[in-house]
Amino acid sequence: MYVTIADFIREWNKEMALTQKVLEGLTDDSLKQRVYPEGRTLGRIAWHFTTNIPEYLAHFGLNINGVENVNSVPNSAKEIAETFKRISSYASQVIEQQWTDDSLKEVQNAFGREESNAQILMGLIKHIIHHRGQVTILIRQAGIKPFGVYGPPKEDWIHLGVENPPL
């Protein structure tokens, strides 16, 4: 759990840099990859967790500007990646400016549960990680080698001297 804003910002910066690498691996064509025929596209999922950052923080009392055209998924992978980079950086600045270490101890209703602001911030990171995992699978289904978030993708194991990578 985060005890200080600095604790959160360290974790935020690490996870957002990993997410940025995943998004930078997208192509415009890959944005059309669907979970299943009637399901959301990779582009919709990436746009959702990008545009949700300011919505989520505003819901919990931070004064933050949202993303325009939230419901209009860009056709450009570069635009999604650039928007994510801008929004994730902006979000960390807003949190540092508006909350203190003591703010992390304050409790709010978070989707029907009583949670501290520290838990709420952890929930935001987990939400992004959850969708980043979905995007990584869809990248693979779109025929693109995914970025190795917490370990190498299967194609890179051979460079580490492992012929039969673990499952």
N, C-alpha and C. Protein backbone atom coordinates (compact mmCIF):
# COMPACT_ATOMS: atom_id res chain seq x y z
N MET A 1 0.85 -1.18 0.00
CA MET A 1 0.00 0.00 0.00
C MET A 1 0.90 1.24 0.00
N TYR A 2 0.39 2.29 -0.56
CA TYR A 2 1.15 3.52 -0.64
C TYR A 2 1.01 4.30 0.66
N VAL A 3 2.14 4.69 1.24
CA VAL A 3 2.17 5.48 2.46
C VAL A 3 2.39 6.95 2.11
N THR A 4 3.10 7.17 1.01
CA THR A 4 3.38 8.54 0.58
C THR A 4 2.99 8.69 -0.89
N ILE A 5 2.77 9.92 -1.29
CA ILE A 5 2.50 10.21 -2.70
C ILE A 5 3.71 9.78 -3.53
N ALA A 6 4.91 9.98 -3.00
CA ALA A 6 6.13 9.56 -3.72
C ALA A 6 6.13 8.05 -3.97
N ASP A 7 5.63 7.25 -3.01
CA ASP A 7 5.52 5.80 -3.20
C ASP A 7 4.63 5.50 -4.41
N PHE A 8 3.48 6.17 -4.43
CA PHE A 8 2.56 5.96 -5.55
C PHE A 8 3.19 6.39 -6.87
N ILE A 9 3.79 7.56 -6.90
CA ILE A 9 4.35 8.09 -8.15
C ILE A 9 5.44 7.16 -8.69
N ARG A 10 6.25 6.58 -7.83
CA ARG A 10 7.26 5.62 -8.28
C ARG A 10 6.60 4.43 -8.99
N GLU A 11 5.58 3.88 -8.35
CA GLU A 11 4.87 2.73 -8.94
C GLU A 11 4.14 3.14 -10.22
N TRP A 12 3.49 4.28 -10.18
CA TRP A 12 2.76 4.81 -11.34
C TRP A 12 3.71 4.97 -12.52
N ASN A 13 4.84 5.62 -12.31
CA ASN A 13 5.79 5.85 -13.40
C ASN A 13 6.30 4.54 -13.99
N LYS A 14 6.57 3.57 -13.14
CA LYS A 14 7.04 2.26 -13.61
C LYS A 14 5.98 1.56 -14.46
N GLU A 15 4.76 1.48 -13.95
CA GLU A 15 3.69 0.78 -14.67
C GLU A 15 3.26 1.54 -15.93
N MET A 16 3.26 2.85 -15.87
CA MET A 16 2.86 3.62 -17.06
C MET A 16 3.92 3.51 -18.15
N ALA A 17 5.21 3.41 -17.78
CA ALA A 17 6.26 3.23 -18.78
C ALA A 17 6.11 1.86 -19.46
N LEU A 18 5.76 0.84 -18.69
CA LEU A 18 5.53 -0.49 -19.28
C LEU A 18 4.32 -0.46 -20.21
N THR A 19 3.26 0.21 -19.78
CA THR A 19 2.06 0.32 -20.61
C THR A 19 2.36 1.10 -21.88
N GLN A 20 3.16 2.14 -21.75
CA GLN A 20 3.54 2.94 -22.92
C GLN A 20 4.26 2.08 -23.95
N LYS A 21 5.16 1.21 -23.49
CA LYS A 21 5.87 0.31 -24.41
C LYS A 21 4.90 -0.61 -25.14
N VAL A 22 3.91 -1.12 -24.43
CA VAL A 22 2.90 -1.97 -25.06
C VAL A 22 2.16 -1.18 -26.14
N LEU A 23 1.73 0.01 -25.80
CA LEU A 23 0.97 0.83 -26.75
C LEU A 23 1.82 1.24 -27.96
N GLU A 24 3.09 1.45 -27.75
CA GLU A 24 3.97 1.82 -28.86
C GLU A 24 4.15 0.67 -29.85
N GLY A 25 3.80 -0.55 -29.44
CA GLY A 25 3.88 -1.70 -30.34
C GLY A 25 2.65 -1.88 -31.21
N LEU A 26 1.63 -1.07 -30.99
CA LEU A 26 0.40 -1.19 -31.77
C LEU A 26 0.61 -0.64 -33.19
N THR A 27 -0.16 -1.19 -34.10
CA THR A 27 -0.24 -0.64 -35.45
C THR A 27 -1.68 -0.19 -35.68
N ASP A 28 -1.88 0.63 -36.69
CA ASP A 28 -3.24 1.07 -37.00
C ASP A 28 -4.14 -0.13 -37.29
N ASP A 29 -3.63 -1.11 -38.03
CA ASP A 29 -4.43 -2.30 -38.34
C ASP A 29 -4.75 -3.12 -37.10
N SER A 30 -3.81 -3.19 -36.15
CA SER A 30 -4.04 -3.99 -34.94
C SER A 30 -5.18 -3.45 -34.10
N LEU A 31 -5.48 -2.16 -34.23
CA LEU A 31 -6.56 -1.56 -33.44
C LEU A 31 -7.91 -2.21 -33.74
N LYS A 32 -8.02 -2.85 -34.88
CA LYS A 32 -9.29 -3.48 -35.29
C LYS A 32 -9.46 -4.89 -34.73
N GLN A 33 -8.40 -5.45 -34.14
CA GLN A 33 -8.47 -6.82 -33.60
C GLN A 33 -9.56 -6.89 -32.53
N ARG A 34 -10.46 -7.84 -32.68
CA ARG A 34 -11.57 -7.98 -31.74
C ARG A 34 -11.34 -9.12 -30.75
N VAL A 35 -11.90 -8.96 -29.57
CA VAL A 35 -11.86 -10.00 -28.55
C VAL A 35 -12.60 -11.23 -29.08
N TYR A 36 -13.76 -11.01 -29.66
CA TYR A 36 -14.58 -12.02 -30.34
C TYR A 36 -15.42 -11.24 -31.33
N PRO A 37 -16.12 -11.90 -32.26
CA PRO A 37 -16.77 -11.17 -33.36
C PRO A 37 -17.61 -9.96 -32.96
N GLU A 38 -18.36 -10.04 -31.88
CA GLU A 38 -19.19 -8.90 -31.47
C GLU A 38 -18.52 -8.08 -30.38
N GLY A 39 -17.33 -8.45 -29.98
CA GLY A 39 -16.66 -7.82 -28.84
C GLY A 39 -15.95 -6.52 -29.17
N ARG A 40 -15.40 -5.94 -28.13
CA ARG A 40 -14.65 -4.70 -28.28
C ARG A 40 -13.36 -4.94 -29.07
N THR A 41 -12.90 -3.88 -29.68
CA THR A 41 -11.63 -3.97 -30.41
C THR A 41 -10.48 -3.63 -29.48
N LEU A 42 -9.29 -4.00 -29.89
CA LEU A 42 -8.08 -3.64 -29.18
C LEU A 42 -8.03 -2.11 -29.03
N GLY A 43 -8.35 -1.39 -30.10
CA GLY A 43 -8.35 0.07 -30.05
C GLY A 43 -9.30 0.61 -29.01
N ARG A 44 -10.50 0.04 -28.92
CA ARG A 44 -11.50 0.48 -27.94
C ARG A 44 -10.98 0.25 -26.51
N ILE A 45 -10.37 -0.89 -26.27
CA ILE A 45 -9.86 -1.19 -24.93
C ILE A 45 -8.74 -0.23 -24.56
N ALA A 46 -7.78 -0.02 -25.47
CA ALA A 46 -6.66 0.89 -25.19
C ALA A 46 -7.17 2.31 -24.97
N TRP A 47 -8.14 2.73 -25.77
CA TRP A 47 -8.70 4.07 -25.63
C TRP A 47 -9.47 4.18 -24.31
N HIS A 48 -10.16 3.11 -23.93
CA HIS A 48 -10.91 3.12 -22.67
C HIS A 48 -9.98 3.37 -21.48
N PHE A 49 -8.92 2.58 -21.35
CA PHE A 49 -8.10 2.78 -20.15
C PHE A 49 -7.30 4.08 -20.20
N THR A 50 -7.07 4.59 -21.39
CA THR A 50 -6.41 5.89 -21.52
C THR A 50 -7.34 7.02 -21.07
N THR A 51 -8.54 7.05 -21.62
CA THR A 51 -9.47 8.13 -21.31
C THR A 51 -10.08 8.00 -19.92
N ASN A 52 -10.03 6.80 -19.36
CA ASN A 52 -10.60 6.57 -18.04
C ASN A 52 -9.76 7.17 -16.92
N ILE A 53 -8.48 7.40 -17.16
CA ILE A 53 -7.61 7.92 -16.09
C ILE A 53 -8.16 9.21 -15.50
N PRO A 54 -8.41 10.26 -16.30
CA PRO A 54 -8.94 11.48 -15.68
C PRO A 54 -10.38 11.31 -15.15
N GLU A 55 -11.18 10.50 -15.82
CA GLU A 55 -12.55 10.25 -15.33
C GLU A 55 -12.51 9.63 -13.94
N TYR A 56 -11.66 8.64 -13.77
CA TYR A 56 -11.51 7.93 -12.50
C TYR A 56 -11.06 8.90 -11.41
N LEU A 57 -10.01 9.67 -11.69
CA LEU A 57 -9.49 10.60 -10.69
C LEU A 57 -10.50 11.68 -10.34
N ALA A 58 -11.21 12.19 -11.33
CA ALA A 58 -12.24 13.20 -11.06
C ALA A 58 -13.35 12.63 -10.19
N HIS A 59 -13.69 11.37 -10.42
CA HIS A 59 -14.73 10.70 -9.62
C HIS A 59 -14.38 10.72 -8.14
N PHE A 60 -13.08 10.69 -7.85
CA PHE A 60 -12.63 10.65 -6.46
C PHE A 60 -12.12 12.00 -5.96
N GLY A 61 -12.58 13.07 -6.61
CA GLY A 61 -12.39 14.40 -6.07
C GLY A 61 -11.22 15.21 -6.59
N LEU A 62 -10.45 14.69 -7.50
CA LEU A 62 -9.35 15.47 -8.05
C LEU A 62 -9.86 16.37 -9.17
N ASN A 63 -9.32 17.56 -9.24
CA ASN A 63 -9.70 18.50 -10.29
C ASN A 63 -8.78 18.24 -11.49
N ILE A 64 -9.31 17.56 -12.51
CA ILE A 64 -8.51 17.15 -13.66
C ILE A 64 -9.36 17.23 -14.92
N ASN A 65 -8.75 17.69 -15.98
CA ASN A 65 -9.45 17.79 -17.26
C ASN A 65 -9.50 16.42 -17.93
N GLY A 66 -10.65 16.12 -18.51
CA GLY A 66 -10.82 14.86 -19.22
C GLY A 66 -10.33 14.94 -20.66
N VAL A 67 -10.48 13.84 -21.36
CA VAL A 67 -10.10 13.74 -22.76
C VAL A 67 -11.31 14.07 -23.61
N GLU A 68 -11.11 14.89 -24.64
CA GLU A 68 -12.20 15.19 -25.56
C GLU A 68 -12.48 13.97 -26.43
N ASN A 69 -13.69 13.86 -26.92
CA ASN A 69 -14.08 12.76 -27.82
C ASN A 69 -13.81 11.39 -27.23
N VAL A 70 -14.20 11.22 -25.98
CA VAL A 70 -13.97 9.95 -25.27
C VAL A 70 -14.58 8.77 -26.03
N ASN A 71 -15.72 8.96 -26.64
CA ASN A 71 -16.41 7.85 -27.30
C ASN A 71 -15.97 7.62 -28.74
N SER A 72 -15.05 8.43 -29.22
CA SER A 72 -14.57 8.29 -30.60
C SER A 72 -13.16 7.73 -30.59
N VAL A 73 -13.05 6.42 -30.80
CA VAL A 73 -11.75 5.75 -30.77
C VAL A 73 -10.93 6.18 -32.00
N PRO A 74 -9.73 6.68 -31.77
CA PRO A 74 -8.89 7.07 -32.91
C PRO A 74 -8.55 5.86 -33.79
N ASN A 75 -8.32 6.12 -35.07
CA ASN A 75 -7.87 5.08 -35.99
C ASN A 75 -6.36 4.99 -36.02
N SER A 76 -5.71 5.84 -35.27
CA SER A 76 -4.26 5.92 -35.25
C SER A 76 -3.69 5.37 -33.95
N ALA A 77 -2.87 4.33 -34.06
CA ALA A 77 -2.21 3.76 -32.89
C ALA A 77 -1.29 4.79 -32.25
N LYS A 78 -0.65 5.60 -33.08
CA LYS A 78 0.25 6.63 -32.57
C LYS A 78 -0.52 7.64 -31.72
N GLU A 79 -1.72 8.00 -32.16
CA GLU A 79 -2.53 8.96 -31.39
C GLU A 79 -2.90 8.39 -30.03
N ILE A 80 -3.26 7.12 -29.98
CA ILE A 80 -3.60 6.50 -28.69
C ILE A 80 -2.38 6.50 -27.78
N ALA A 81 -1.23 6.08 -28.30
CA ALA A 81 0.00 6.03 -27.49
C ALA A 81 0.40 7.42 -27.00
N GLU A 82 0.31 8.41 -27.87
CA GLU A 82 0.67 9.79 -27.48
C GLU A 82 -0.31 10.34 -26.45
N THR A 83 -1.59 10.03 -26.61
CA THR A 83 -2.59 10.50 -25.64
C THR A 83 -2.35 9.84 -24.29
N PHE A 84 -2.06 8.55 -24.28
CA PHE A 84 -1.77 7.85 -23.03
C PHE A 84 -0.57 8.49 -22.33
N LYS A 85 0.48 8.74 -23.07
CA LYS A 85 1.69 9.33 -22.49
C LYS A 85 1.37 10.69 -21.86
N ARG A 86 0.62 11.51 -22.57
CA ARG A 86 0.27 12.84 -22.08
C ARG A 86 -0.63 12.74 -20.84
N ILE A 87 -1.65 11.89 -20.90
CA ILE A 87 -2.62 11.78 -19.80
C ILE A 87 -1.97 11.17 -18.56
N SER A 88 -1.15 10.15 -18.72
CA SER A 88 -0.55 9.52 -17.54
C SER A 88 0.43 10.47 -16.85
N SER A 89 1.14 11.27 -17.62
CA SER A 89 2.04 12.27 -17.04
C SER A 89 1.24 13.37 -16.34
N TYR A 90 0.20 13.83 -16.99
CA TYR A 90 -0.67 14.86 -16.43
C TYR A 90 -1.31 14.38 -15.12
N ALA A 91 -1.75 13.13 -15.11
CA ALA A 91 -2.40 12.57 -13.92
C ALA A 91 -1.46 12.57 -12.72
N SER A 92 -0.21 12.18 -12.94
CA SER A 92 0.73 12.17 -11.82
C SER A 92 0.97 13.58 -11.28
N GLN A 93 1.01 14.57 -12.17
CA GLN A 93 1.18 15.96 -11.74
C GLN A 93 -0.02 16.42 -10.90
N VAL A 94 -1.21 16.08 -11.36
CA VAL A 94 -2.43 16.46 -10.64
C VAL A 94 -2.45 15.84 -9.25
N ILE A 95 -2.11 14.57 -9.17
CA ILE A 95 -2.11 13.89 -7.86
C ILE A 95 -1.08 14.53 -6.94
N GLU A 96 0.12 14.79 -7.44
CA GLU A 96 1.16 15.42 -6.61
C GLU A 96 0.75 16.81 -6.14
N GLN A 97 0.05 17.53 -6.98
CA GLN A 97 -0.35 18.90 -6.64
C GLN A 97 -1.56 18.96 -5.70
N GLN A 98 -2.47 17.99 -5.82
CA GLN A 98 -3.74 18.10 -5.10
C GLN A 98 -3.87 17.21 -3.87
N TRP A 99 -3.09 16.16 -3.79
CA TRP A 99 -3.17 15.28 -2.62
C TRP A 99 -1.84 15.29 -1.88
N THR A 100 -1.94 15.08 -0.59
CA THR A 100 -0.76 14.99 0.28
C THR A 100 -0.65 13.56 0.79
N ASP A 101 0.41 13.29 1.50
CA ASP A 101 0.55 11.97 2.10
C ASP A 101 -0.64 11.66 3.01
N ASP A 102 -1.13 12.66 3.74
CA ASP A 102 -2.29 12.46 4.61
C ASP A 102 -3.55 12.18 3.80
N SER A 103 -3.64 12.73 2.59
CA SER A 103 -4.81 12.47 1.73
C SER A 103 -4.96 10.98 1.44
N LEU A 104 -3.86 10.26 1.40
CA LEU A 104 -3.90 8.83 1.09
C LEU A 104 -4.67 8.03 2.15
N LYS A 105 -4.73 8.56 3.37
CA LYS A 105 -5.42 7.87 4.46
C LYS A 105 -6.92 8.12 4.47
N GLU A 106 -7.36 9.17 3.76
CA GLU A 106 -8.78 9.50 3.74
C GLU A 106 -9.57 8.38 3.06
N VAL A 107 -10.77 8.14 3.56
CA VAL A 107 -11.60 7.04 3.07
C VAL A 107 -12.79 7.60 2.29
N GLN A 108 -13.08 6.94 1.17
CA GLN A 108 -14.21 7.31 0.31
C GLN A 108 -14.96 6.05 -0.09
N ASN A 109 -16.17 6.26 -0.59
CA ASN A 109 -16.91 5.14 -1.16
C ASN A 109 -16.40 4.93 -2.58
N ALA A 110 -15.89 3.75 -2.80
CA ALA A 110 -15.33 3.41 -4.12
C ALA A 110 -16.12 2.23 -4.68
N PHE A 111 -17.11 2.56 -5.49
CA PHE A 111 -17.90 1.53 -6.15
C PHE A 111 -18.54 0.57 -5.14
N GLY A 112 -19.09 1.15 -4.08
CA GLY A 112 -19.81 0.37 -3.08
C GLY A 112 -18.96 -0.13 -1.93
N ARG A 113 -17.67 0.18 -1.93
CA ARG A 113 -16.79 -0.25 -0.84
C ARG A 113 -16.13 0.98 -0.23
N GLU A 114 -15.85 0.91 1.04
CA GLU A 114 -15.09 1.97 1.70
C GLU A 114 -13.61 1.69 1.48
N GLU A 115 -12.92 2.63 0.83
CA GLU A 115 -11.50 2.45 0.54
C GLU A 115 -10.75 3.74 0.81
N SER A 116 -9.51 3.58 1.22
CA SER A 116 -8.66 4.76 1.38
C SER A 116 -8.26 5.27 0.00
N ASN A 117 -7.83 6.51 -0.05
CA ASN A 117 -7.36 7.05 -1.32
C ASN A 117 -6.15 6.27 -1.84
N ALA A 118 -5.35 5.74 -0.94
CA ALA A 118 -4.23 4.89 -1.37
C ALA A 118 -4.76 3.65 -2.10
N GLN A 119 -5.80 3.03 -1.57
CA GLN A 119 -6.41 1.88 -2.24
C GLN A 119 -7.04 2.28 -3.57
N ILE A 120 -7.63 3.44 -3.60
CA ILE A 120 -8.25 3.93 -4.83
C ILE A 120 -7.20 4.12 -5.92
N LEU A 121 -6.05 4.69 -5.56
CA LEU A 121 -4.98 4.86 -6.54
C LEU A 121 -4.43 3.51 -6.99
N MET A 122 -4.33 2.57 -6.06
CA MET A 122 -3.90 1.23 -6.44
C MET A 122 -4.90 0.61 -7.40
N GLY A 123 -6.18 0.86 -7.17
CA GLY A 123 -7.22 0.36 -8.06
C GLY A 123 -7.08 0.90 -9.48
N LEU A 124 -6.67 2.15 -9.60
CA LEU A 124 -6.46 2.73 -10.93
C LEU A 124 -5.32 2.01 -11.65
N ILE A 125 -4.23 1.78 -10.95
CA ILE A 125 -3.11 1.06 -11.57
C ILE A 125 -3.54 -0.35 -11.96
N LYS A 126 -4.26 -1.03 -11.08
CA LYS A 126 -4.71 -2.40 -11.38
C LYS A 126 -5.66 -2.42 -12.58
N HIS A 127 -6.49 -1.41 -12.70
CA HIS A 127 -7.41 -1.32 -13.84
C HIS A 127 -6.62 -1.24 -15.15
N ILE A 128 -5.60 -0.40 -15.16
CA ILE A 128 -4.77 -0.26 -16.35
C ILE A 128 -4.03 -1.55 -16.64
N ILE A 129 -3.47 -2.19 -15.61
CA ILE A 129 -2.75 -3.46 -15.80
C ILE A 129 -3.69 -4.52 -16.35
N HIS A 130 -4.90 -4.58 -15.84
CA HIS A 130 -5.89 -5.55 -16.32
C HIS A 130 -6.11 -5.39 -17.82
N HIS A 131 -6.36 -4.17 -18.24
CA HIS A 131 -6.61 -3.94 -19.67
C HIS A 131 -5.33 -4.05 -20.50
N ARG A 132 -4.19 -3.74 -19.92
CA ARG A 132 -2.92 -3.92 -20.63
C ARG A 132 -2.72 -5.40 -20.97
N GLY A 133 -3.12 -6.27 -20.05
CA GLY A 133 -3.04 -7.71 -20.32
C GLY A 133 -3.94 -8.10 -21.48
N GLN A 134 -5.15 -7.56 -21.51
CA GLN A 134 -6.04 -7.84 -22.64
C GLN A 134 -5.43 -7.36 -23.95
N VAL A 135 -4.87 -6.17 -23.94
CA VAL A 135 -4.26 -5.60 -25.14
C VAL A 135 -3.09 -6.48 -25.60
N THR A 136 -2.31 -6.97 -24.66
CA THR A 136 -1.16 -7.82 -25.01
C THR A 136 -1.61 -9.08 -25.73
N ILE A 137 -2.67 -9.70 -25.26
CA ILE A 137 -3.20 -10.90 -25.92
C ILE A 137 -3.71 -10.56 -27.32
N LEU A 138 -4.42 -9.45 -27.44
CA LEU A 138 -4.96 -9.05 -28.74
C LEU A 138 -3.84 -8.67 -29.71
N ILE A 139 -2.75 -8.12 -29.20
CA ILE A 139 -1.59 -7.83 -30.04
C ILE A 139 -1.07 -9.14 -30.64
N ARG A 140 -0.95 -10.14 -29.80
CA ARG A 140 -0.50 -11.46 -30.26
C ARG A 140 -1.47 -12.01 -31.31
N GLN A 141 -2.77 -11.91 -31.05
CA GLN A 141 -3.77 -12.40 -32.00
C GLN A 141 -3.74 -11.62 -33.32
N ALA A 142 -3.28 -10.37 -33.26
CA ALA A 142 -3.17 -9.55 -34.47
C ALA A 142 -1.88 -9.86 -35.25
N GLY A 143 -1.10 -10.80 -34.73
CA GLY A 143 0.11 -11.21 -35.43
C GLY A 143 1.34 -10.37 -35.14
N ILE A 144 1.31 -9.62 -34.06
CA ILE A 144 2.42 -8.76 -33.68
C ILE A 144 3.09 -9.32 -32.43
N LYS A 145 4.41 -9.25 -32.40
CA LYS A 145 5.14 -9.66 -31.19
C LYS A 145 4.88 -8.62 -30.10
N PRO A 146 4.36 -9.05 -28.94
CA PRO A 146 4.10 -8.08 -27.88
C PRO A 146 5.38 -7.70 -27.14
N PHE A 147 5.33 -6.56 -26.50
CA PHE A 147 6.41 -6.13 -25.62
C PHE A 147 6.39 -7.01 -24.38
N GLY A 148 7.55 -7.42 -23.92
CA GLY A 148 7.64 -8.23 -22.70
C GLY A 148 7.51 -7.36 -21.47
N VAL A 149 6.36 -7.38 -20.85
CA VAL A 149 6.08 -6.49 -19.72
C VAL A 149 6.84 -6.93 -18.47
N TYR A 150 6.59 -8.12 -17.97
CA TYR A 150 7.27 -8.60 -16.76
C TYR A 150 8.25 -9.72 -17.09
N GLY A 151 8.42 -9.98 -18.34
CA GLY A 151 9.33 -11.01 -18.81
C GLY A 151 9.29 -11.01 -20.32
N PRO A 152 10.19 -11.73 -20.93
CA PRO A 152 10.26 -11.68 -22.39
C PRO A 152 9.11 -12.42 -23.06
N PRO A 153 8.72 -11.96 -24.28
CA PRO A 153 7.77 -12.74 -25.06
C PRO A 153 8.47 -13.99 -25.58
N LYS A 154 7.70 -14.93 -26.06
CA LYS A 154 8.26 -16.23 -26.45
C LYS A 154 9.38 -16.11 -27.47
N GLU A 155 9.31 -15.14 -28.36
CA GLU A 155 10.33 -14.97 -29.39
C GLU A 155 11.70 -14.60 -28.81
N ASP A 156 11.71 -14.00 -27.64
CA ASP A 156 12.97 -13.54 -27.05
C ASP A 156 13.64 -14.55 -26.14
N TRP A 157 12.94 -15.61 -25.78
CA TRP A 157 13.54 -16.62 -24.91
C TRP A 157 14.76 -17.27 -25.56
N ILE A 158 14.71 -17.48 -26.86
CA ILE A 158 15.80 -18.13 -27.56
C ILE A 158 17.10 -17.33 -27.41
N HIS A 159 16.97 -15.99 -27.37
CA HIS A 159 18.14 -15.12 -27.20
C HIS A 159 18.72 -15.23 -25.79
N LEU A 160 17.94 -15.78 -24.90
CA LEU A 160 18.39 -15.99 -23.51
C LEU A 160 18.91 -17.41 -23.31
N GLY A 161 18.98 -18.16 -24.43
CA GLY A 161 19.48 -19.54 -24.35
C GLY A 161 18.45 -20.56 -23.93
N VAL A 162 17.18 -20.20 -24.00
CA VAL A 162 16.09 -21.11 -23.61
C VAL A 162 15.34 -21.50 -24.88
N GLU A 163 15.43 -22.79 -25.23
CA GLU A 163 14.76 -23.25 -26.45
C GLU A 163 13.29 -23.55 -26.25
N ASN A 164 12.94 -24.06 -25.07
CA ASN A 164 11.55 -24.38 -24.75
C ASN A 164 11.12 -23.50 -23.56
N PRO A 165 10.59 -22.30 -23.88
CA PRO A 165 10.26 -21.38 -22.79
C PRO A 165 9.15 -21.95 -21.89
N PRO A 166 9.17 -21.53 -20.63
CA PRO A 166 8.10 -21.96 -19.71
C PRO A 166 6.75 -21.43 -20.16
N LEU A 167 5.72 -22.13 -19.80
CA LEU A 167 4.38 -21.69 -20.17
C LEU A 167 3.88 -20.61 -19.27
